[in-house]
Amino acid sequence: MAEKKGGSRDFEKSLAELEQIVDRLEGGELSLEESLKAFESGVALTRQCRDALEKAEQKVSKLIGDDEQGGLAPFDADGNGANG
């Protein structure tokens, strides 16, 4: 179980770092060299986050039996069901 919690923490940490990088880049106070390094780090963090989300999606699909269900139902934030 600790591994799963660590993975979630890693995702949250990577996402927070990515947000900080975006803020720094948007601030416009970095040199070109610093901006390129920050951008490179941001791309790597984006890939890490995307991979973590893909793994989580695969786990969810496996847990709910996505293969048997024919796909996930769309999320409806209003609670009215998938058909409205």
PDB file of N, CA and C in Angstrom:
ATOM      1  N   MET A   1       0.813  -1.210   0.000  1.00  0.00           N
ATOM      2  CA  MET A   1       0.000   0.000   0.000  1.00  0.00           C
ATOM      3  C   MET A   1       0.852   1.268   0.000  1.00  0.00           C
ATOM      4  N   ALA A   2       1.999   1.227   0.640  1.00  0.00           N
ATOM      5  CA  ALA A   2       2.834   2.415   0.723  1.00  0.00           C
ATOM      6  C   ALA A   2       3.266   2.885  -0.662  1.00  0.00           C
ATOM      7  N   GLU A   3       3.454   1.933  -1.578  1.00  0.00           N
ATOM      8  CA  GLU A   3       3.872   2.290  -2.924  1.00  0.00           C
ATOM      9  C   GLU A   3       2.800   3.118  -3.626  1.00  0.00           C
ATOM     10  N   LYS A   4       1.554   2.739  -3.464  1.00  0.00           N
ATOM     11  CA  LYS A   4       0.469   3.481  -4.099  1.00  0.00           C
ATOM     12  C   LYS A   4       0.374   4.899  -3.539  1.00  0.00           C
ATOM     13  N   LYS A   5       0.509   5.025  -2.224  1.00  0.00           N
ATOM     14  CA  LYS A   5       0.464   6.357  -1.622  1.00  0.00           C
ATOM     15  C   LYS A   5       1.647   7.186  -2.087  1.00  0.00           C
ATOM     16  N   GLY A   6       2.828   6.565  -2.179  1.00  0.00           N
ATOM     17  CA  GLY A   6       4.016   7.259  -2.653  1.00  0.00           C
ATOM     18  C   GLY A   6       3.838   7.731  -4.084  1.00  0.00           C
ATOM     19  N   GLY A   7       3.209   6.913  -4.920  1.00  0.00           N
ATOM     20  CA  GLY A   7       2.964   7.290  -6.301  1.00  0.00           C
ATOM     21  C   GLY A   7       2.056   8.501  -6.388  1.00  0.00           C
ATOM     22  N   SER A   8       1.041   8.523  -5.557  1.00  0.00           N
ATOM     23  CA  SER A   8       0.132   9.663  -5.527  1.00  0.00           C
ATOM     24  C   SER A   8       0.850  10.913  -5.059  1.00  0.00           C
ATOM     25  N   ARG A   9       1.685  10.749  -4.051  1.00  0.00           N
ATOM     26  CA  ARG A   9       2.465  11.872  -3.542  1.00  0.00           C
ATOM     27  C   ARG A   9       3.420  12.393  -4.611  1.00  0.00           C
ATOM     28  N   ASP A  10       4.051  11.463  -5.335  1.00  0.00           N
ATOM     29  CA  ASP A  10       4.958  11.857  -6.410  1.00  0.00           C
ATOM     30  C   ASP A  10       4.212  12.657  -7.470  1.00  0.00           C
ATOM     31  N   PHE A  11       3.002  12.218  -7.808  1.00  0.00           N
ATOM     32  CA  PHE A  11       2.199  12.939  -8.790  1.00  0.00           C
ATOM     33  C   PHE A  11       1.896  14.343  -8.287  1.00  0.00           C
ATOM     34  N   GLU A  12       1.452  14.441  -7.053  1.00  0.00           N
ATOM     35  CA  GLU A  12       1.121  15.742  -6.478  1.00  0.00           C
ATOM     36  C   GLU A  12       2.346  16.649  -6.419  1.00  0.00           C
ATOM     37  N   LYS A  13       3.479  16.085  -6.063  1.00  0.00           N
ATOM     38  CA  LYS A  13       4.715  16.864  -5.995  1.00  0.00           C
ATOM     39  C   LYS A  13       5.118  17.343  -7.389  1.00  0.00           C
ATOM     40  N   SER A  14       5.047  16.449  -8.370  1.00  0.00           N
ATOM     41  CA  SER A  14       5.393  16.816  -9.748  1.00  0.00           C
ATOM     42  C   SER A  14       4.455  17.895 -10.274  1.00  0.00           C
ATOM     43  N   LEU A  15       3.184  17.761  -9.974  1.00  0.00           N
ATOM     44  CA  LEU A  15       2.206  18.750 -10.423  1.00  0.00           C
ATOM     45  C   LEU A  15       2.471  20.115  -9.781  1.00  0.00           C
ATOM     46  N   ALA A  16       2.807  20.120  -8.498  1.00  0.00           N
ATOM     47  CA  ALA A  16       3.122  21.374  -7.809  1.00  0.00           C
ATOM     48  C   ALA A  16       4.373  22.017  -8.404  1.00  0.00           C
ATOM     49  N   GLU A  17       5.385  21.204  -8.695  1.00  0.00           N
ATOM     50  CA  GLU A  17       6.603  21.727  -9.317  1.00  0.00           C
ATOM     51  C   GLU A  17       6.303  22.305 -10.695  1.00  0.00           C
ATOM     52  N   LEU A  18       5.464  21.610 -11.440  1.00  0.00           N
ATOM     53  CA  LEU A  18       5.084  22.090 -12.766  1.00  0.00           C
ATOM     54  C   LEU A  18       4.367  23.436 -12.681  1.00  0.00           C
ATOM     55  N   GLU A  19       3.495  23.584 -11.710  1.00  0.00           N
ATOM     56  CA  GLU A  19       2.794  24.855 -11.522  1.00  0.00           C
ATOM     57  C   GLU A  19       3.775  25.979 -11.176  1.00  0.00           C
ATOM     58  N   GLN A  20       4.773  25.668 -10.366  1.00  0.00           N
ATOM     59  CA  GLN A  20       5.785  26.676 -10.019  1.00  0.00           C
ATOM     60  C   GLN A  20       6.582  27.089 -11.262  1.00  0.00           C
ATOM     61  N   ILE A  21       6.913  26.122 -12.088  1.00  0.00           N
ATOM     62  CA  ILE A  21       7.656  26.428 -13.312  1.00  0.00           C
ATOM     63  C   ILE A  21       6.833  27.323 -14.225  1.00  0.00           C
ATOM     64  N   VAL A  22       5.570  27.006 -14.372  1.00  0.00           N
ATOM     65  CA  VAL A  22       4.692  27.827 -15.213  1.00  0.00           C
ATOM     66  C   VAL A  22       4.629  29.249 -14.672  1.00  0.00           C
ATOM     67  N   ASP A  23       4.487  29.384 -13.366  1.00  0.00           N
ATOM     68  CA  ASP A  23       4.444  30.720 -12.761  1.00  0.00           C
ATOM     69  C   ASP A  23       5.730  31.494 -13.036  1.00  0.00           C
ATOM     70  N   ARG A  24       6.872  30.798 -12.906  1.00  0.00           N
ATOM     71  CA  ARG A  24       8.154  31.462 -13.162  1.00  0.00           C
ATOM     72  C   ARG A  24       8.268  31.882 -14.627  1.00  0.00           C
ATOM     73  N   LEU A  25       7.856  31.003 -15.523  1.00  0.00           N
ATOM     74  CA  LEU A  25       7.941  31.334 -16.951  1.00  0.00           C
ATOM     75  C   LEU A  25       7.000  32.487 -17.310  1.00  0.00           C
ATOM     76  N   GLU A  26       5.804  32.466 -16.733  1.00  0.00           N
ATOM     77  CA  GLU A  26       4.846  33.537 -17.010  1.00  0.00           C
ATOM     78  C   GLU A  26       5.288  34.857 -16.404  1.00  0.00           C
ATOM     79  N   GLY A  27       6.103  34.794 -15.352  1.00  0.00           N
ATOM     80  CA  GLY A  27       6.585  36.009 -14.701  1.00  0.00           C
ATOM     81  C   GLY A  27       7.482  36.839 -15.611  1.00  0.00           C
ATOM     82  N   GLY A  28       8.132  36.197 -16.569  1.00  0.00           N
ATOM     83  CA  GLY A  28       8.945  36.906 -17.541  1.00  0.00           C
ATOM     84  C   GLY A  28      10.248  37.461 -17.024  1.00  0.00           C
ATOM     85  N   GLU A  29      10.682  37.041 -15.850  1.00  0.00           N
ATOM     86  CA  GLU A  29      11.908  37.584 -15.279  1.00  0.00           C
ATOM     87  C   GLU A  29      13.105  36.653 -15.443  1.00  0.00           C
ATOM     88  N   LEU A  30      12.915  35.515 -16.112  1.00  0.00           N
ATOM     89  CA  LEU A  30      14.008  34.575 -16.316  1.00  0.00           C
ATOM     90  C   LEU A  30      14.784  34.940 -17.576  1.00  0.00           C
ATOM     91  N   SER A  31      16.056  34.631 -17.546  1.00  0.00           N
ATOM     92  CA  SER A  31      16.856  34.819 -18.763  1.00  0.00           C
ATOM     93  C   SER A  31      16.454  33.743 -19.769  1.00  0.00           C
ATOM     94  N   LEU A  32      16.920  33.880 -20.973  1.00  0.00           N
ATOM     95  CA  LEU A  32      16.623  32.887 -21.997  1.00  0.00           C
ATOM     96  C   LEU A  32      17.127  31.514 -21.568  1.00  0.00           C
ATOM     97  N   GLU A  33      18.345  31.474 -21.064  1.00  0.00           N
ATOM     98  CA  GLU A  33      18.937  30.207 -20.615  1.00  0.00           C
ATOM     99  C   GLU A  33      18.105  29.587 -19.491  1.00  0.00           C
ATOM    100  N   GLU A  34      17.713  30.394 -18.508  1.00  0.00           N
ATOM    101  CA  GLU A  34      16.894  29.901 -17.401  1.00  0.00           C
ATOM    102  C   GLU A  34      15.524  29.448 -17.892  1.00  0.00           C
ATOM    103  N   SER A  35      14.974  30.186 -18.836  1.00  0.00           N
ATOM    104  CA  SER A  35      13.671  29.822 -19.397  1.00  0.00           C
ATOM    105  C   SER A  35      13.729  28.484 -20.106  1.00  0.00           C
ATOM    106  N   LEU A  36      14.789  28.257 -20.871  1.00  0.00           N
ATOM    107  CA  LEU A  36      14.929  26.987 -21.579  1.00  0.00           C
ATOM    108  C   LEU A  36      15.083  25.820 -20.607  1.00  0.00           C
ATOM    109  N   LYS A  37      15.863  26.016 -19.553  1.00  0.00           N
ATOM    110  CA  LYS A  37      16.027  24.969 -18.546  1.00  0.00           C
ATOM    111  C   LYS A  37      14.706  24.687 -17.837  1.00  0.00           C
ATOM    112  N   ALA A  38      13.988  25.749 -17.497  1.00  0.00           N
ATOM    113  CA  ALA A  38      12.703  25.584 -16.828  1.00  0.00           C
ATOM    114  C   ALA A  38      11.706  24.878 -17.743  1.00  0.00           C
ATOM    115  N   PHE A  39      11.704  25.250 -19.015  1.00  0.00           N
ATOM    116  CA  PHE A  39      10.808  24.621 -19.984  1.00  0.00           C
ATOM    117  C   PHE A  39      11.129  23.133 -20.112  1.00  0.00           C
ATOM    118  N   GLU A  40      12.410  22.809 -20.189  1.00  0.00           N
ATOM    119  CA  GLU A  40      12.830  21.408 -20.285  1.00  0.00           C
ATOM    120  C   GLU A  40      12.363  20.618 -19.065  1.00  0.00           C
ATOM    121  N   SER A  41      12.521  21.189 -17.892  1.00  0.00           N
ATOM    122  CA  SER A  41      12.044  20.536 -16.668  1.00  0.00           C
ATOM    123  C   SER A  41      10.536  20.372 -16.695  1.00  0.00           C
ATOM    124  N   GLY A  42       9.850  21.383 -17.190  1.00  0.00           N
ATOM    125  CA  GLY A  42       8.392  21.323 -17.282  1.00  0.00           C
ATOM    126  C   GLY A  42       7.912  20.223 -18.210  1.00  0.00           C
ATOM    127  N   VAL A  43       8.602  20.046 -19.318  1.00  0.00           N
ATOM    128  CA  VAL A  43       8.235  18.978 -20.257  1.00  0.00           C
ATOM    129  C   VAL A  43       8.413  17.619 -19.587  1.00  0.00           C
ATOM    130  N   ALA A  44       9.520  17.433 -18.875  1.00  0.00           N
ATOM    131  CA  ALA A  44       9.763  16.165 -18.186  1.00  0.00           C
ATOM    132  C   ALA A  44       8.696  15.913 -17.114  1.00  0.00           C
ATOM    133  N   LEU A  45       8.342  16.939 -16.361  1.00  0.00           N
ATOM    134  CA  LEU A  45       7.305  16.794 -15.335  1.00  0.00           C
ATOM    135  C   LEU A  45       5.946  16.500 -15.950  1.00  0.00           C
ATOM    136  N   THR A  46       5.657  17.127 -17.086  1.00  0.00           N
ATOM    137  CA  THR A  46       4.397  16.883 -17.779  1.00  0.00           C
ATOM    138  C   THR A  46       4.300  15.419 -18.192  1.00  0.00           C
ATOM    139  N   ARG A  47       5.395  14.882 -18.692  1.00  0.00           N
ATOM    140  CA  ARG A  47       5.411  13.468 -19.097  1.00  0.00           C
ATOM    141  C   ARG A  47       5.206  12.554 -17.900  1.00  0.00           C
ATOM    142  N   GLN A  48       5.854  12.882 -16.781  1.00  0.00           N
ATOM    143  CA  GLN A  48       5.689  12.078 -15.567  1.00  0.00           C
ATOM    144  C   GLN A  48       4.234  12.090 -15.099  1.00  0.00           C
ATOM    145  N   CYS A  49       3.630  13.271 -15.101  1.00  0.00           N
ATOM    146  CA  CYS A  49       2.238  13.394 -14.663  1.00  0.00           C
ATOM    147  C   CYS A  49       1.304  12.637 -15.600  1.00  0.00           C
ATOM    148  N   ARG A  50       1.543  12.770 -16.894  1.00  0.00           N
ATOM    149  CA  ARG A  50       0.707  12.072 -17.876  1.00  0.00           C
ATOM    150  C   ARG A  50       0.812  10.562 -17.698  1.00  0.00           C
ATOM    151  N   ASP A  51       2.031  10.071 -17.492  1.00  0.00           N
ATOM    152  CA  ASP A  51       2.227   8.638 -17.280  1.00  0.00           C
ATOM    153  C   ASP A  51       1.508   8.164 -16.021  1.00  0.00           C
ATOM    154  N   ALA A  52       1.602   8.937 -14.955  1.00  0.00           N
ATOM    155  CA  ALA A  52       0.927   8.577 -13.706  1.00  0.00           C
ATOM    156  C   ALA A  52      -0.586   8.548 -13.896  1.00  0.00           C
ATOM    157  N   LEU A  53      -1.112   9.505 -14.642  1.00  0.00           N
ATOM    158  CA  LEU A  53      -2.559   9.528 -14.893  1.00  0.00           C
ATOM    159  C   LEU A  53      -2.998   8.352 -15.762  1.00  0.00           C
ATOM    160  N   GLU A  54      -2.186   7.998 -16.741  1.00  0.00           N
ATOM    161  CA  GLU A  54      -2.507   6.850 -17.591  1.00  0.00           C
ATOM    162  C   GLU A  54      -2.516   5.560 -16.777  1.00  0.00           C
ATOM    163  N   LYS A  55      -1.552   5.402 -15.871  1.00  0.00           N
ATOM    164  CA  LYS A  55      -1.508   4.224 -15.016  1.00  0.00           C
ATOM    165  C   LYS A  55      -2.736   4.176 -14.107  1.00  0.00           C
ATOM    166  N   ALA A  56      -3.108   5.315 -13.567  1.00  0.00           N
ATOM    167  CA  ALA A  56      -4.286   5.373 -12.702  1.00  0.00           C
ATOM    168  C   ALA A  56      -5.546   5.015 -13.486  1.00  0.00           C
ATOM    169  N   GLU A  57      -5.645   5.516 -14.707  1.00  0.00           N
ATOM    170  CA  GLU A  57      -6.804   5.201 -15.545  1.00  0.00           C
ATOM    171  C   GLU A  57      -6.873   3.706 -15.847  1.00  0.00           C
ATOM    172  N   GLN A  58      -5.725   3.094 -16.110  1.00  0.00           N
ATOM    173  CA  GLN A  58      -5.689   1.657 -16.363  1.00  0.00           C
ATOM    174  C   GLN A  58      -6.138   0.874 -15.136  1.00  0.00           C
ATOM    175  N   LYS A  59      -5.709   1.311 -13.958  1.00  0.00           N
ATOM    176  CA  LYS A  59      -6.116   0.636 -12.722  1.00  0.00           C
ATOM    177  C   LYS A  59      -7.617   0.749 -12.510  1.00  0.00           C
ATOM    178  N   VAL A  60      -8.152   1.947 -12.745  1.00  0.00           N
ATOM    179  CA  VAL A  60      -9.593   2.150 -12.569  1.00  0.00           C
ATOM    180  C   VAL A  60     -10.362   1.282 -13.555  1.00  0.00           C
ATOM    181  N   SER A  61      -9.908   1.261 -14.798  1.00  0.00           N
ATOM    182  CA  SER A  61     -10.577   0.443 -15.808  1.00  0.00           C
ATOM    183  C   SER A  61     -10.564  -1.027 -15.419  1.00  0.00           C
ATOM    184  N   LYS A  62      -9.438  -1.489 -14.904  1.00  0.00           N
ATOM    185  CA  LYS A  62      -9.330  -2.881 -14.482  1.00  0.00           C
ATOM    186  C   LYS A  62     -10.253  -3.165 -13.297  1.00  0.00           C
ATOM    187  N   LEU A  63     -10.296  -2.238 -12.356  1.00  0.00           N
ATOM    188  CA  LEU A  63     -11.119  -2.441 -11.163  1.00  0.00           C
ATOM    189  C   LEU A  63     -12.607  -2.494 -11.474  1.00  0.00           C
ATOM    190  N   ILE A  64     -13.055  -1.698 -12.421  1.00  0.00           N
ATOM    191  CA  ILE A  64     -14.493  -1.688 -12.726  1.00  0.00           C
ATOM    192  C   ILE A  64     -14.841  -2.647 -13.851  1.00  0.00           C
ATOM    193  N   GLY A  65     -13.845  -3.355 -14.361  1.00  0.00           N
ATOM    194  CA  GLY A  65     -14.113  -4.330 -15.409  1.00  0.00           C
ATOM    195  C   GLY A  65     -14.460  -3.666 -16.720  1.00  0.00           C
ATOM    196  N   ASP A  66     -13.662  -2.694 -17.120  1.00  0.00           N
ATOM    197  CA  ASP A  66     -13.907  -1.927 -18.347  1.00  0.00           C
ATOM    198  C   ASP A  66     -14.091  -2.833 -19.561  1.00  0.00           C
ATOM    199  N   ASP A  67     -13.341  -3.928 -19.634  1.00  0.00           N
ATOM    200  CA  ASP A  67     -13.442  -4.828 -20.779  1.00  0.00           C
ATOM    201  C   ASP A  67     -14.829  -5.447 -20.882  1.00  0.00           C
ATOM    202  N   GLU A  68     -15.422  -5.739 -19.746  1.00  0.00           N
ATOM    203  CA  GLU A  68     -16.746  -6.351 -19.736  1.00  0.00           C
ATOM    204  C   GLU A  68     -17.856  -5.323 -19.927  1.00  0.00           C
ATOM    205  N   GLN A  69     -17.631  -4.101 -19.499  1.00  0.00           N
ATOM    206  CA  GLN A  69     -18.644  -3.060 -19.545  1.00  0.00           C
ATOM    207  C   GLN A  69     -18.725  -2.378 -20.905  1.00  0.00           C
ATOM    208  N   GLY A  70     -17.700  -2.521 -21.719  1.00  0.00           N
ATOM    209  CA  GLY A  70     -17.709  -1.869 -23.026  1.00  0.00           C
ATOM    210  C   GLY A  70     -17.291  -0.415 -22.978  1.00  0.00           C
ATOM    211  N   GLY A  71     -16.713   0.030 -21.887  1.00  0.00           N
ATOM    212  CA  GLY A  71     -16.238   1.409 -21.780  1.00  0.00           C
ATOM    213  C   GLY A  71     -16.768   2.078 -20.536  1.00  0.00           C
ATOM    214  N   LEU A  72     -16.146   3.154 -20.177  1.00  0.00           N
ATOM    215  CA  LEU A  72     -16.561   3.924 -19.013  1.00  0.00           C
ATOM    216  C   LEU A  72     -17.717   4.841 -19.384  1.00  0.00           C
ATOM    217  N   ALA A  73     -18.641   5.027 -18.465  1.00  0.00           N
ATOM    218  CA  ALA A  73     -19.732   5.971 -18.684  1.00  0.00           C
ATOM    219  C   ALA A  73     -19.213   7.384 -18.479  1.00  0.00           C
ATOM    220  N   PRO A  74     -19.709   8.346 -19.238  1.00  0.00           N
ATOM    221  CA  PRO A  74     -19.278   9.738 -19.056  1.00  0.00           C
ATOM    222  C   PRO A  74     -19.638  10.237 -17.659  1.00  0.00           C
ATOM    223  N   PHE A  75     -18.775  11.058 -17.099  1.00  0.00           N
ATOM    224  CA  PHE A  75     -19.017  11.642 -15.787  1.00  0.00           C
ATOM    225  C   PHE A  75     -20.042  12.752 -15.909  1.00  0.00           C
ATOM    226  N   ASP A  76     -21.022  12.743 -15.022  1.00  0.00           N
ATOM    227  CA  ASP A  76     -22.045  13.783 -15.005  1.00  0.00           C
ATOM    228  C   ASP A  76     -22.006  14.448 -13.639  1.00  0.00           C
ATOM    229  N   ALA A  77     -21.445  15.654 -13.582  1.00  0.00           N
ATOM    230  CA  ALA A  77     -21.283  16.365 -12.311  1.00  0.00           C
ATOM    231  C   ALA A  77     -22.618  16.730 -11.673  1.00  0.00           C
ATOM    232  N   ASP A  78     -23.681  16.831 -12.457  1.00  0.00           N
ATOM    233  CA  ASP A  78     -25.000  17.189 -11.924  1.00  0.00           C
ATOM    234  C   ASP A  78     -25.710  16.007 -11.280  1.00  0.00           C
ATOM    235  N   GLY A  79     -25.212  14.799 -11.537  1.00  0.00           N
ATOM    236  CA  GLY A  79     -25.823  13.618 -10.945  1.00  0.00           C
ATOM    237  C   GLY A  79     -27.090  13.193 -11.646  1.00  0.00           C
ATOM    238  N   ASN A  80     -27.315  13.644 -12.877  1.00  0.00           N
ATOM    239  CA  ASN A  80     -28.520  13.307 -13.612  1.00  0.00           C
ATOM    240  C   ASN A  80     -28.381  12.034 -14.440  1.00  0.00           C
ATOM    241  N   GLY A  81     -27.282  11.341 -14.326  1.00  0.00           N
ATOM    242  CA  GLY A  81     -27.061  10.151 -15.114  1.00  0.00           C
ATOM    243  C   GLY A  81     -26.434  10.514 -16.440  1.00  0.00           C
ATOM    244  N   ALA A  82     -26.017   9.514 -17.170  1.00  0.00           N
ATOM    245  CA  ALA A  82     -25.303   9.744 -18.425  1.00  0.00           C
ATOM    246  C   ALA A  82     -26.229  10.277 -19.511  1.00  0.00           C
ATOM    247  N   ASN A  83     -27.516  10.032 -19.397  1.00  0.00           N
ATOM    248  CA  ASN A  83     -28.444  10.454 -20.447  1.00  0.00           C
ATOM    249  C   ASN A  83     -29.123  11.771 -20.160  1.00  0.00           C
ATOM    250  N   GLY A  84     -28.790  12.373 -19.038  1.00  0.00           N
ATOM    251  CA  GLY A  84     -29.346  13.696 -18.737  1.00  0.00           C
ATOM    252  C   GLY A  84     -30.575  13.574 -17.988  1.00  0.00           C
TER     253      GLY A  84
END
